[in-house]
Amino acid sequence: MRVPFSWLKEYVPELESPEVLEERLAGLGFETDRMERIFQIPSGVVFARVLEAHPISSTSLKRLVLDAGKVVEVVSGAGNA
């Protein structure tokens, strides 16, 4: 069975790391076949949904209204905005 460590950590907050969990499971007689690291979002990166996109005249820029947990406005030069 594949279970994200983050899920287990919600129920057992004292787990320090996946390696500690693996040791504890082995001590209880449970074999770990493998552990995989899954891509993690780097700190400081924010995902947002574009609510509105308005061109800024005389430029190639757009004013975007985003929902990133709160509504924010940004200026973007991205071609896919």
C-alpha atoms as a PDB file:
ATOM      1  CA  MET A   1       0.000   0.000   0.000  1.00  0.00           C
ATOM      2  CA  ARG A   2       1.274   3.494  -0.821  1.00  0.00           C
ATOM      3  CA  VAL A   3       0.668   6.091   1.856  1.00  0.00           C
ATOM      4  CA  PRO A   4       2.043   9.652   1.872  1.00  0.00           C
ATOM      5  CA  PHE A   5       4.187  10.348   4.933  1.00  0.00           C
ATOM      6  CA  SER A   6       2.316  13.652   5.387  1.00  0.00           C
ATOM      7  CA  TRP A   7      -0.911  11.711   6.011  1.00  0.00           C
ATOM      8  CA  LEU A   8       0.726   9.525   8.631  1.00  0.00           C
ATOM      9  CA  LYS A   9       2.280  12.596  10.260  1.00  0.00           C
ATOM     10  CA  GLU A  10      -1.220  14.039  10.778  1.00  0.00           C
ATOM     11  CA  TYR A  11      -2.073  11.047  12.979  1.00  0.00           C
ATOM     12  CA  VAL A  12       1.373  10.501  14.524  1.00  0.00           C
ATOM     13  CA  PRO A  13       2.905  13.996  14.784  1.00  0.00           C
ATOM     14  CA  GLU A  14       5.977  12.777  16.704  1.00  0.00           C
ATOM     15  CA  LEU A  15       7.358  11.001  13.610  1.00  0.00           C
ATOM     16  CA  GLU A  16      10.517  12.919  12.717  1.00  0.00           C
ATOM     17  CA  SER A  17      11.114  11.532   9.240  1.00  0.00           C
ATOM     18  CA  PRO A  18      10.184   8.740   6.813  1.00  0.00           C
ATOM     19  CA  GLU A  19      13.417   6.977   7.794  1.00  0.00           C
ATOM     20  CA  VAL A  20      12.377   6.917  11.468  1.00  0.00           C
ATOM     21  CA  LEU A  21       9.001   5.505  10.441  1.00  0.00           C
ATOM     22  CA  GLU A  22      10.715   2.796   8.409  1.00  0.00           C
ATOM     23  CA  GLU A  23      12.834   1.821  11.436  1.00  0.00           C
ATOM     24  CA  ARG A  24       9.784   1.700  13.711  1.00  0.00           C
ATOM     25  CA  LEU A  25       7.819  -0.414  11.247  1.00  0.00           C
ATOM     26  CA  ALA A  26      10.767  -2.811  10.888  1.00  0.00           C
ATOM     27  CA  GLY A  27      10.936  -3.081  14.689  1.00  0.00           C
ATOM     28  CA  LEU A  28       7.291  -4.160  14.667  1.00  0.00           C
ATOM     29  CA  GLY A  29       7.938  -6.779  11.990  1.00  0.00           C
ATOM     30  CA  PHE A  30       6.581  -4.818   9.020  1.00  0.00           C
ATOM     31  CA  GLU A  31       8.790  -4.838   5.961  1.00  0.00           C
ATOM     32  CA  THR A  32       9.137  -1.700   3.855  1.00  0.00           C
ATOM     33  CA  ASP A  33       9.506  -2.590   0.190  1.00  0.00           C
ATOM     34  CA  ARG A  34      10.644   0.872  -0.858  1.00  0.00           C
ATOM     35  CA  MET A  35      10.317   4.546  -0.089  1.00  0.00           C
ATOM     36  CA  GLU A  36       9.884   7.139  -2.813  1.00  0.00           C
ATOM     37  CA  ARG A  37      10.399  10.852  -2.583  1.00  0.00           C
ATOM     38  CA  ILE A  38       7.661  12.687  -4.409  1.00  0.00           C
ATOM     39  CA  PHE A  39       8.188  16.174  -5.790  1.00  0.00           C
ATOM     40  CA  GLN A  40       7.619  18.811  -3.158  1.00  0.00           C
ATOM     41  CA  ILE A  41       6.687  22.400  -3.856  1.00  0.00           C
ATOM     42  CA  PRO A  42       9.620  24.651  -2.911  1.00  0.00           C
ATOM     43  CA  SER A  43       8.916  27.056  -0.064  1.00  0.00           C
ATOM     44  CA  GLY A  44       7.865  30.475  -1.281  1.00  0.00           C
ATOM     45  CA  VAL A  45       6.083  29.127  -4.371  1.00  0.00           C
ATOM     46  CA  VAL A  46       2.384  30.020  -4.435  1.00  0.00           C
ATOM     47  CA  PHE A  47      -0.263  28.457  -6.636  1.00  0.00           C
ATOM     48  CA  ALA A  48      -3.176  30.635  -7.664  1.00  0.00           C
ATOM     49  CA  ARG A  49      -6.193  30.585  -9.948  1.00  0.00           C
ATOM     50  CA  VAL A  50      -6.599  33.425 -12.439  1.00  0.00           C
ATOM     51  CA  LEU A  51      -9.974  35.068 -11.872  1.00  0.00           C
ATOM     52  CA  GLU A  52      -9.552  37.974 -14.298  1.00  0.00           C
ATOM     53  CA  ALA A  53      -6.983  39.108 -16.877  1.00  0.00           C
ATOM     54  CA  HIS A  54      -6.929  42.670 -18.201  1.00  0.00           C
ATOM     55  CA  PRO A  55      -4.462  43.958 -20.825  1.00  0.00           C
ATOM     56  CA  ILE A  56      -2.450  47.039 -19.878  1.00  0.00           C
ATOM     57  CA  SER A  57      -2.598  49.409 -22.841  1.00  0.00           C
ATOM     58  CA  SER A  58       0.609  50.199 -24.749  1.00  0.00           C
ATOM     59  CA  THR A  59       2.387  47.195 -23.173  1.00  0.00           C
ATOM     60  CA  SER A  60       2.474  43.441 -23.519  1.00  0.00           C
ATOM     61  CA  LEU A  61       1.616  43.161 -19.816  1.00  0.00           C
ATOM     62  CA  LYS A  62      -1.616  42.094 -18.151  1.00  0.00           C
ATOM     63  CA  ARG A  63      -3.150  42.956 -14.794  1.00  0.00           C
ATOM     64  CA  LEU A  64      -4.311  39.715 -13.209  1.00  0.00           C
ATOM     65  CA  VAL A  65      -6.732  39.171 -10.371  1.00  0.00           C
ATOM     66  CA  LEU A  66      -5.780  35.911  -8.652  1.00  0.00           C
ATOM     67  CA  ASP A  67      -7.237  33.655  -5.992  1.00  0.00           C
ATOM     68  CA  ALA A  68      -4.292  32.371  -3.959  1.00  0.00           C
ATOM     69  CA  GLY A  69      -6.202  31.698  -0.757  1.00  0.00           C
ATOM     70  CA  LYS A  70      -6.940  35.401  -0.790  1.00  0.00           C
ATOM     71  CA  VAL A  71      -7.667  37.637  -3.773  1.00  0.00           C
ATOM     72  CA  VAL A  72      -4.584  39.510  -4.990  1.00  0.00           C
ATOM     73  CA  GLU A  73      -3.673  41.582  -8.055  1.00  0.00           C
ATOM     74  CA  VAL A  74      -0.403  41.185  -9.941  1.00  0.00           C
ATOM     75  CA  VAL A  75       1.112  42.370 -13.206  1.00  0.00           C
ATOM     76  CA  SER A  76       2.336  39.629 -15.526  1.00  0.00           C
ATOM     77  CA  GLY A  77       4.265  39.465 -18.756  1.00  0.00           C
ATOM     78  CA  ALA A  78       3.623  35.740 -19.186  1.00  0.00           C
ATOM     79  CA  GLY A  79       2.271  34.797 -22.584  1.00  0.00           C
ATOM     80  CA  ASN A  80      -0.155  32.270 -21.135  1.00  0.00           C
ATOM     81  CA  ALA A  81      -1.776  34.692 -18.674  1.00  0.00           C
END
